[in-house]
Amino acid sequence: RNLRAELGAKKVRVSVIEPGLLDTEL
């Protein structure tokens, strides 16, 4: 989110993908 604010004016789009939880050993 902060990089989006900093780099947006330079035409760099910053996205973050937040997948859901999975049933793993974690």
PDB file of all heavy atoms in Angstrom:
ATOM      1  N   ARG A   1       0.830  -1.214   0.000  1.00  0.00           N
ATOM      2  CA  ARG A   1       0.000   0.000   0.000  1.00  0.00           C
ATOM      3  C   ARG A   1       0.861   1.259   0.000  1.00  0.00           C
ATOM      4  O   ARG A   1       0.568   2.231  -0.705  1.00  0.00           O
ATOM      5  CB  ARG A   1      -0.949  -0.002   1.201  1.00  0.00           C
ATOM      6  CG  ARG A   1      -2.074  -1.011   1.068  1.00  0.00           C
ATOM      7  CD  ARG A   1      -3.127  -0.850   2.155  1.00  0.00           C
ATOM      8  NE  ARG A   1      -2.643  -1.182   3.483  1.00  0.00           N
ATOM      9  CZ  ARG A   1      -2.683  -2.399   4.017  1.00  0.00           C
ATOM     10  NH1 ARG A   1      -3.180  -3.420   3.334  1.00  0.00           N
ATOM     11  NH2 ARG A   1      -2.240  -2.615   5.232  1.00  0.00           N
ATOM     12  N   ASN A   2       1.934   1.251   0.776  1.00  0.00           N
ATOM     13  CA  ASN A   2       2.822   2.411   0.806  1.00  0.00           C
ATOM     14  C   ASN A   2       3.569   2.583  -0.508  1.00  0.00           C
ATOM     15  O   ASN A   2       3.726   3.702  -1.000  1.00  0.00           O
ATOM     16  CB  ASN A   2       3.807   2.303   1.974  1.00  0.00           C
ATOM     17  CG  ASN A   2       3.176   2.727   3.276  1.00  0.00           C
ATOM     18  OD1 ASN A   2       3.100   3.911   3.555  1.00  0.00           O
ATOM     19  ND2 ASN A   2       2.689   1.769   4.042  1.00  0.00           N
ATOM     20  N   LEU A   3       4.019   1.482  -1.089  1.00  0.00           N
ATOM     21  CA  LEU A   3       4.696   1.566  -2.386  1.00  0.00           C
ATOM     22  C   LEU A   3       3.745   2.068  -3.460  1.00  0.00           C
ATOM     23  O   LEU A   3       4.152   2.806  -4.361  1.00  0.00           O
ATOM     24  CB  LEU A   3       5.273   0.205  -2.788  1.00  0.00           C
ATOM     25  CG  LEU A   3       6.497  -0.235  -1.995  1.00  0.00           C
ATOM     26  CD1 LEU A   3       6.846  -1.678  -2.336  1.00  0.00           C
ATOM     27  CD2 LEU A   3       7.675   0.685  -2.281  1.00  0.00           C
ATOM     28  N   ARG A   4       2.478   1.686  -3.375  1.00  0.00           N
ATOM     29  CA  ARG A   4       1.477   2.178  -4.322  1.00  0.00           C
ATOM     30  C   ARG A   4       1.423   3.700  -4.264  1.00  0.00           C
ATOM     31  O   ARG A   4       1.371   4.372  -5.294  1.00  0.00           O
ATOM     32  CB  ARG A   4       0.116   1.567  -4.000  1.00  0.00           C
ATOM     33  CG  ARG A   4      -0.969   1.888  -5.006  1.00  0.00           C
ATOM     34  CD  ARG A   4      -2.280   1.187  -4.666  1.00  0.00           C
ATOM     35  NE  ARG A   4      -2.098  -0.253  -4.552  1.00  0.00           N
ATOM     36  CZ  ARG A   4      -2.495  -0.980  -3.510  1.00  0.00           C
ATOM     37  NH1 ARG A   4      -3.119  -0.416  -2.498  1.00  0.00           N
ATOM     38  NH2 ARG A   4      -2.298  -2.273  -3.484  1.00  0.00           N
ATOM     39  N   ALA A   5       1.450   4.252  -3.055  1.00  0.00           N
ATOM     40  CA  ALA A   5       1.423   5.708  -2.890  1.00  0.00           C
ATOM     41  C   ALA A   5       2.704   6.350  -3.415  1.00  0.00           C
ATOM     42  O   ALA A   5       2.669   7.404  -4.045  1.00  0.00           O
ATOM     43  CB  ALA A   5       1.209   6.062  -1.422  1.00  0.00           C
ATOM     44  N   GLU A   6       3.838   5.723  -3.176  1.00  0.00           N
ATOM     45  CA  GLU A   6       5.126   6.287  -3.598  1.00  0.00           C
ATOM     46  C   GLU A   6       5.369   6.154  -5.099  1.00  0.00           C
ATOM     47  O   GLU A   6       5.901   7.073  -5.725  1.00  0.00           O
ATOM     48  CB  GLU A   6       6.273   5.595  -2.859  1.00  0.00           C
ATOM     49  CG  GLU A   6       6.335   5.909  -1.383  1.00  0.00           C
ATOM     50  CD  GLU A   6       7.461   5.172  -0.692  1.00  0.00           C
ATOM     51  OE1 GLU A   6       8.431   4.751  -1.361  1.00  0.00           O
ATOM     52  OE2 GLU A   6       7.365   5.006   0.543  1.00  0.00           O
ATOM     53  N   LEU A   7       5.010   5.017  -5.672  1.00  0.00           N
ATOM     54  CA  LEU A   7       5.362   4.743  -7.071  1.00  0.00           C
ATOM     55  C   LEU A   7       4.249   5.069  -8.055  1.00  0.00           C
ATOM     56  O   LEU A   7       4.485   5.099  -9.264  1.00  0.00           O
ATOM     57  CB  LEU A   7       5.774   3.272  -7.218  1.00  0.00           C
ATOM     58  CG  LEU A   7       7.004   2.856  -6.408  1.00  0.00           C
ATOM     59  CD1 LEU A   7       7.244   1.361  -6.538  1.00  0.00           C
ATOM     60  CD2 LEU A   7       8.233   3.638  -6.847  1.00  0.00           C
ATOM     61  N   GLY A   8       3.053   5.310  -7.565  1.00  0.00           N
ATOM     62  CA  GLY A   8       1.923   5.592  -8.451  1.00  0.00           C
ATOM     63  C   GLY A   8       2.166   6.777  -9.371  1.00  0.00           C
ATOM     64  O   GLY A   8       1.826   6.739 -10.553  1.00  0.00           O
ATOM     65  N   ALA A   9       2.764   7.824  -8.845  1.00  0.00           N
ATOM     66  CA  ALA A   9       3.046   9.008  -9.656  1.00  0.00           C
ATOM     67  C   ALA A   9       4.056   8.710 -10.765  1.00  0.00           C
ATOM     68  O   ALA A   9       4.118   9.434 -11.763  1.00  0.00           O
ATOM     69  CB  ALA A   9       3.564  10.137  -8.770  1.00  0.00           C
ATOM     70  N   LYS A  10       4.818   7.636 -10.582  1.00  0.00           N
ATOM     71  CA  LYS A  10       5.804   7.236 -11.601  1.00  0.00           C
ATOM     72  C   LYS A  10       5.241   6.173 -12.531  1.00  0.00           C
ATOM     73  O   LYS A  10       5.969   5.533 -13.270  1.00  0.00           O
ATOM     74  CB  LYS A  10       7.073   6.732 -10.912  1.00  0.00           C
ATOM     75  CG  LYS A  10       7.739   7.813 -10.084  1.00  0.00           C
ATOM     76  CD  LYS A  10       8.931   7.275  -9.334  1.00  0.00           C
ATOM     77  CE  LYS A  10       9.528   8.392  -8.494  1.00  0.00           C
ATOM     78  NZ  LYS A  10      10.640   7.941  -7.679  1.00  0.00           N
ATOM     79  N   LYS A  11       3.930   5.969 -12.459  1.00  0.00           N
ATOM     80  CA  LYS A  11       3.201   5.031 -13.312  1.00  0.00           C
ATOM     81  C   LYS A  11       3.554   3.568 -13.059  1.00  0.00           C
ATOM     82  O   LYS A  11       3.440   2.723 -13.936  1.00  0.00           O
ATOM     83  CB  LYS A  11       3.393   5.353 -14.796  1.00  0.00           C
ATOM     84  CG  LYS A  11       3.049   6.772 -15.167  1.00  0.00           C
ATOM     85  CD  LYS A  11       1.578   7.028 -15.013  1.00  0.00           C
ATOM     86  CE  LYS A  11       1.246   8.430 -15.531  1.00  0.00           C
ATOM     87  NZ  LYS A  11       0.111   9.012 -14.912  1.00  0.00           N
ATOM     88  N   VAL A  12       3.998   3.275 -11.837  1.00  0.00           N
ATOM     89  CA  VAL A  12       4.221   1.884 -11.436  1.00  0.00           C
ATOM     90  C   VAL A  12       3.013   1.474 -10.598  1.00  0.00           C
ATOM     91  O   VAL A  12       2.760   2.047  -9.534  1.00  0.00           O
ATOM     92  CB  VAL A  12       5.527   1.710 -10.631  1.00  0.00           C
ATOM     93  CG1 VAL A  12       5.678   0.266 -10.161  1.00  0.00           C
ATOM     94  CG2 VAL A  12       6.725   2.132 -11.467  1.00  0.00           C
ATOM     95  N   ARG A  13       2.255   0.515 -11.105  1.00  0.00           N
ATOM     96  CA  ARG A  13       1.095   0.006 -10.373  1.00  0.00           C
ATOM     97  C   ARG A  13       1.580  -1.066  -9.400  1.00  0.00           C
ATOM     98  O   ARG A  13       2.346  -1.949  -9.775  1.00  0.00           O
ATOM     99  CB  ARG A  13       0.079  -0.600 -11.341  1.00  0.00           C
ATOM    100  CG  ARG A  13      -0.476   0.407 -12.311  1.00  0.00           C
ATOM    101  CD  ARG A  13      -1.508  -0.193 -13.218  1.00  0.00           C
ATOM    102  NE  ARG A  13      -0.914  -1.195 -14.102  1.00  0.00           N
ATOM    103  CZ  ARG A  13      -1.472  -1.622 -15.231  1.00  0.00           C
ATOM    104  NH1 ARG A  13      -2.644  -1.138 -15.609  1.00  0.00           N
ATOM    105  NH2 ARG A  13      -0.879  -2.516 -15.969  1.00  0.00           N
ATOM    106  N   VAL A  14       1.140  -0.953  -8.163  1.00  0.00           N
ATOM    107  CA  VAL A  14       1.541  -1.918  -7.137  1.00  0.00           C
ATOM    108  C   VAL A  14       0.284  -2.633  -6.655  1.00  0.00           C
ATOM    109  O   VAL A  14      -0.661  -2.002  -6.201  1.00  0.00           O
ATOM    110  CB  VAL A  14       2.262  -1.242  -5.954  1.00  0.00           C
ATOM    111  CG1 VAL A  14       2.677  -2.272  -4.912  1.00  0.00           C
ATOM    112  CG2 VAL A  14       3.480  -0.460  -6.455  1.00  0.00           C
ATOM    113  N   SER A  15       0.300  -3.948  -6.765  1.00  0.00           N
ATOM    114  CA  SER A  15      -0.829  -4.781  -6.337  1.00  0.00           C
ATOM    115  C   SER A  15      -0.355  -5.783  -5.302  1.00  0.00           C
ATOM    116  O   SER A  15       0.820  -6.152  -5.260  1.00  0.00           O
ATOM    117  CB  SER A  15      -1.404  -5.549  -7.527  1.00  0.00           C
ATOM    118  OG  SER A  15      -1.832  -4.661  -8.531  1.00  0.00           O
ATOM    119  N   VAL A  16      -1.288  -6.224  -4.484  1.00  0.00           N
ATOM    120  CA  VAL A  16      -1.003  -7.283  -3.523  1.00  0.00           C
ATOM    121  C   VAL A  16      -2.135  -8.301  -3.605  1.00  0.00           C
ATOM    122  O   VAL A  16      -3.307  -7.945  -3.612  1.00  0.00           O
ATOM    123  CB  VAL A  16      -0.801  -6.746  -2.086  1.00  0.00           C
ATOM    124  CG1 VAL A  16      -2.031  -6.063  -1.555  1.00  0.00           C
ATOM    125  CG2 VAL A  16      -0.352  -7.850  -1.145  1.00  0.00           C
ATOM    126  N   ILE A  17      -1.763  -9.553  -3.717  1.00  0.00           N
ATOM    127  CA  ILE A  17      -2.731 -10.649  -3.757  1.00  0.00           C
ATOM    128  C   ILE A  17      -2.742 -11.289  -2.374  1.00  0.00           C
ATOM    129  O   ILE A  17      -1.685 -11.604  -1.828  1.00  0.00           O
ATOM    130  CB  ILE A  17      -2.332 -11.684  -4.838  1.00  0.00           C
ATOM    131  CG1 ILE A  17      -2.323 -11.010  -6.211  1.00  0.00           C
ATOM    132  CG2 ILE A  17      -3.269 -12.883  -4.809  1.00  0.00           C
ATOM    133  CD1 ILE A  17      -1.718 -11.857  -7.295  1.00  0.00           C
ATOM    134  N   GLU A  18      -3.936 -11.475  -1.825  1.00  0.00           N
ATOM    135  CA  GLU A  18      -4.079 -12.050  -0.488  1.00  0.00           C
ATOM    136  C   GLU A  18      -4.954 -13.300  -0.560  1.00  0.00           C
ATOM    137  O   GLU A  18      -6.146 -13.257  -0.250  1.00  0.00           O
ATOM    138  CB  GLU A  18      -4.668 -11.028   0.480  1.00  0.00           C
ATOM    139  CG  GLU A  18      -3.772  -9.829   0.721  1.00  0.00           C
ATOM    140  CD  GLU A  18      -4.373  -8.806   1.643  1.00  0.00           C
ATOM    141  OE1 GLU A  18      -5.602  -8.784   1.819  1.00  0.00           O
ATOM    142  OE2 GLU A  18      -3.603  -8.021   2.214  1.00  0.00           O
ATOM    143  N   PRO A  19      -4.363 -14.444  -0.961  1.00  0.00           N
ATOM    144  CA  PRO A  19      -5.160 -15.683  -1.030  1.00  0.00           C
ATOM    145  C   PRO A  19      -5.688 -16.095   0.337  1.00  0.00           C
ATOM    146  O   PRO A  19      -5.144 -15.704   1.373  1.00  0.00           O
ATOM    147  CB  PRO A  19      -4.160 -16.729  -1.544  1.00  0.00           C
ATOM    148  CG  PRO A  19      -2.984 -15.973  -2.043  1.00  0.00           C
ATOM    149  CD  PRO A  19      -2.985 -14.650  -1.343  1.00  0.00           C
ATOM    150  N   GLY A  20      -6.722 -16.913   0.325  1.00  0.00           N
ATOM    151  CA  GLY A  20      -7.317 -17.424   1.557  1.00  0.00           C
ATOM    152  C   GLY A  20      -6.480 -18.501   2.202  1.00  0.00           C
ATOM    153  O   GLY A  20      -5.452 -18.927   1.678  1.00  0.00           O
ATOM    154  N   LEU A  21      -6.930 -18.956   3.356  1.00  0.00           N
ATOM    155  CA  LEU A  21      -6.222 -19.993   4.101  1.00  0.00           C
ATOM    156  C   LEU A  21      -6.494 -21.378   3.513  1.00  0.00           C
ATOM    157  O   LEU A  21      -7.570 -21.638   2.987  1.00  0.00           O
ATOM    158  CB  LEU A  21      -6.662 -19.978   5.563  1.00  0.00           C
ATOM    159  CG  LEU A  21      -6.343 -18.706   6.342  1.00  0.00           C
ATOM    160  CD1 LEU A  21      -6.937 -18.792   7.740  1.00  0.00           C
ATOM    161  CD2 LEU A  21      -4.852 -18.485   6.411  1.00  0.00           C
ATOM    162  N   LEU A  22      -5.520 -22.235   3.643  1.00  0.00           N
ATOM    163  CA  LEU A  22      -5.635 -23.627   3.209  1.00  0.00           C
ATOM    164  C   LEU A  22      -5.383 -24.527   4.402  1.00  0.00           C
ATOM    165  O   LEU A  22      -4.717 -24.138   5.362  1.00  0.00           O
ATOM    166  CB  LEU A  22      -4.608 -23.937   2.119  1.00  0.00           C
ATOM    167  CG  LEU A  22      -4.750 -23.171   0.815  1.00  0.00           C
ATOM    168  CD1 LEU A  22      -3.567 -23.465  -0.089  1.00  0.00           C
ATOM    169  CD2 LEU A  22      -6.044 -23.520   0.127  1.00  0.00           C
ATOM    170  N   ASP A  23      -5.869 -25.727   4.335  1.00  0.00           N
ATOM    171  CA  ASP A  23      -5.627 -26.702   5.388  1.00  0.00           C
ATOM    172  C   ASP A  23      -4.267 -27.358   5.136  1.00  0.00           C
ATOM    173  O   ASP A  23      -4.146 -28.251   4.299  1.00  0.00           O
ATOM    174  CB  ASP A  23      -6.751 -27.739   5.395  1.00  0.00           C
ATOM    175  CG  ASP A  23      -6.669 -28.674   6.576  1.00  0.00           C
ATOM    176  OD1 ASP A  23      -5.967 -28.345   7.563  1.00  0.00           O
ATOM    177  OD2 ASP A  23      -7.306 -29.736   6.522  1.00  0.00           O
ATOM    178  N   THR A  24      -3.239 -26.864   5.824  1.00  0.00           N
ATOM    179  CA  THR A  24      -1.884 -27.396   5.675  1.00  0.00           C
ATOM    180  C   THR A  24      -1.309 -27.729   7.040  1.00  0.00           C
ATOM    181  O   THR A  24      -1.920 -27.461   8.072  1.00  0.00           O
ATOM    182  CB  THR A  24      -0.960 -26.373   4.981  1.00  0.00           C
ATOM    183  OG1 THR A  24      -0.776 -25.264   5.867  1.00  0.00           O
ATOM    184  CG2 THR A  24      -1.526 -25.901   3.650  1.00  0.00           C
ATOM    185  N   GLU A  25      -0.099 -28.250   7.056  1.00  0.00           N
ATOM    186  CA  GLU A  25       0.558 -28.581   8.319  1.00  0.00           C
ATOM    187  C   GLU A  25       0.847 -27.332   9.151  1.00  0.00           C
ATOM    188  O   GLU A  25       1.059 -27.431  10.354  1.00  0.00           O
ATOM    189  CB  GLU A  25       1.846 -29.378   8.078  1.00  0.00           C
ATOM    190  CG  GLU A  25       2.945 -28.615   7.376  1.00  0.00           C
ATOM    191  CD  GLU A  25       2.823 -28.588   5.861  1.00  0.00           C
ATOM    192  OE1 GLU A  25       1.887 -29.203   5.296  1.00  0.00           O
ATOM    193  OE2 GLU A  25       3.660 -27.942   5.230  1.00  0.00           O
ATOM    194  N   LEU A  26       0.841 -26.162   8.545  1.00  0.00           N
ATOM    195  CA  LEU A  26       1.053 -24.932   9.291  1.00  0.00           C
ATOM    196  C   LEU A  26      -0.036 -24.740  10.346  1.00  0.00           C
ATOM    197  O   LEU A  26       0.214 -24.198  11.411  1.00  0.00           O
ATOM    198  CB  LEU A  26       1.072 -23.731   8.338  1.00  0.00           C
ATOM    199  CG  LEU A  26       1.370 -22.367   8.954  1.00  0.00           C
ATOM    200  CD1 LEU A  26       2.763 -22.350   9.577  1.00  0.00           C
ATOM    201  CD2 LEU A  26       1.246 -21.288   7.907  1.00  0.00           C
TER     202      LEU A  26
END
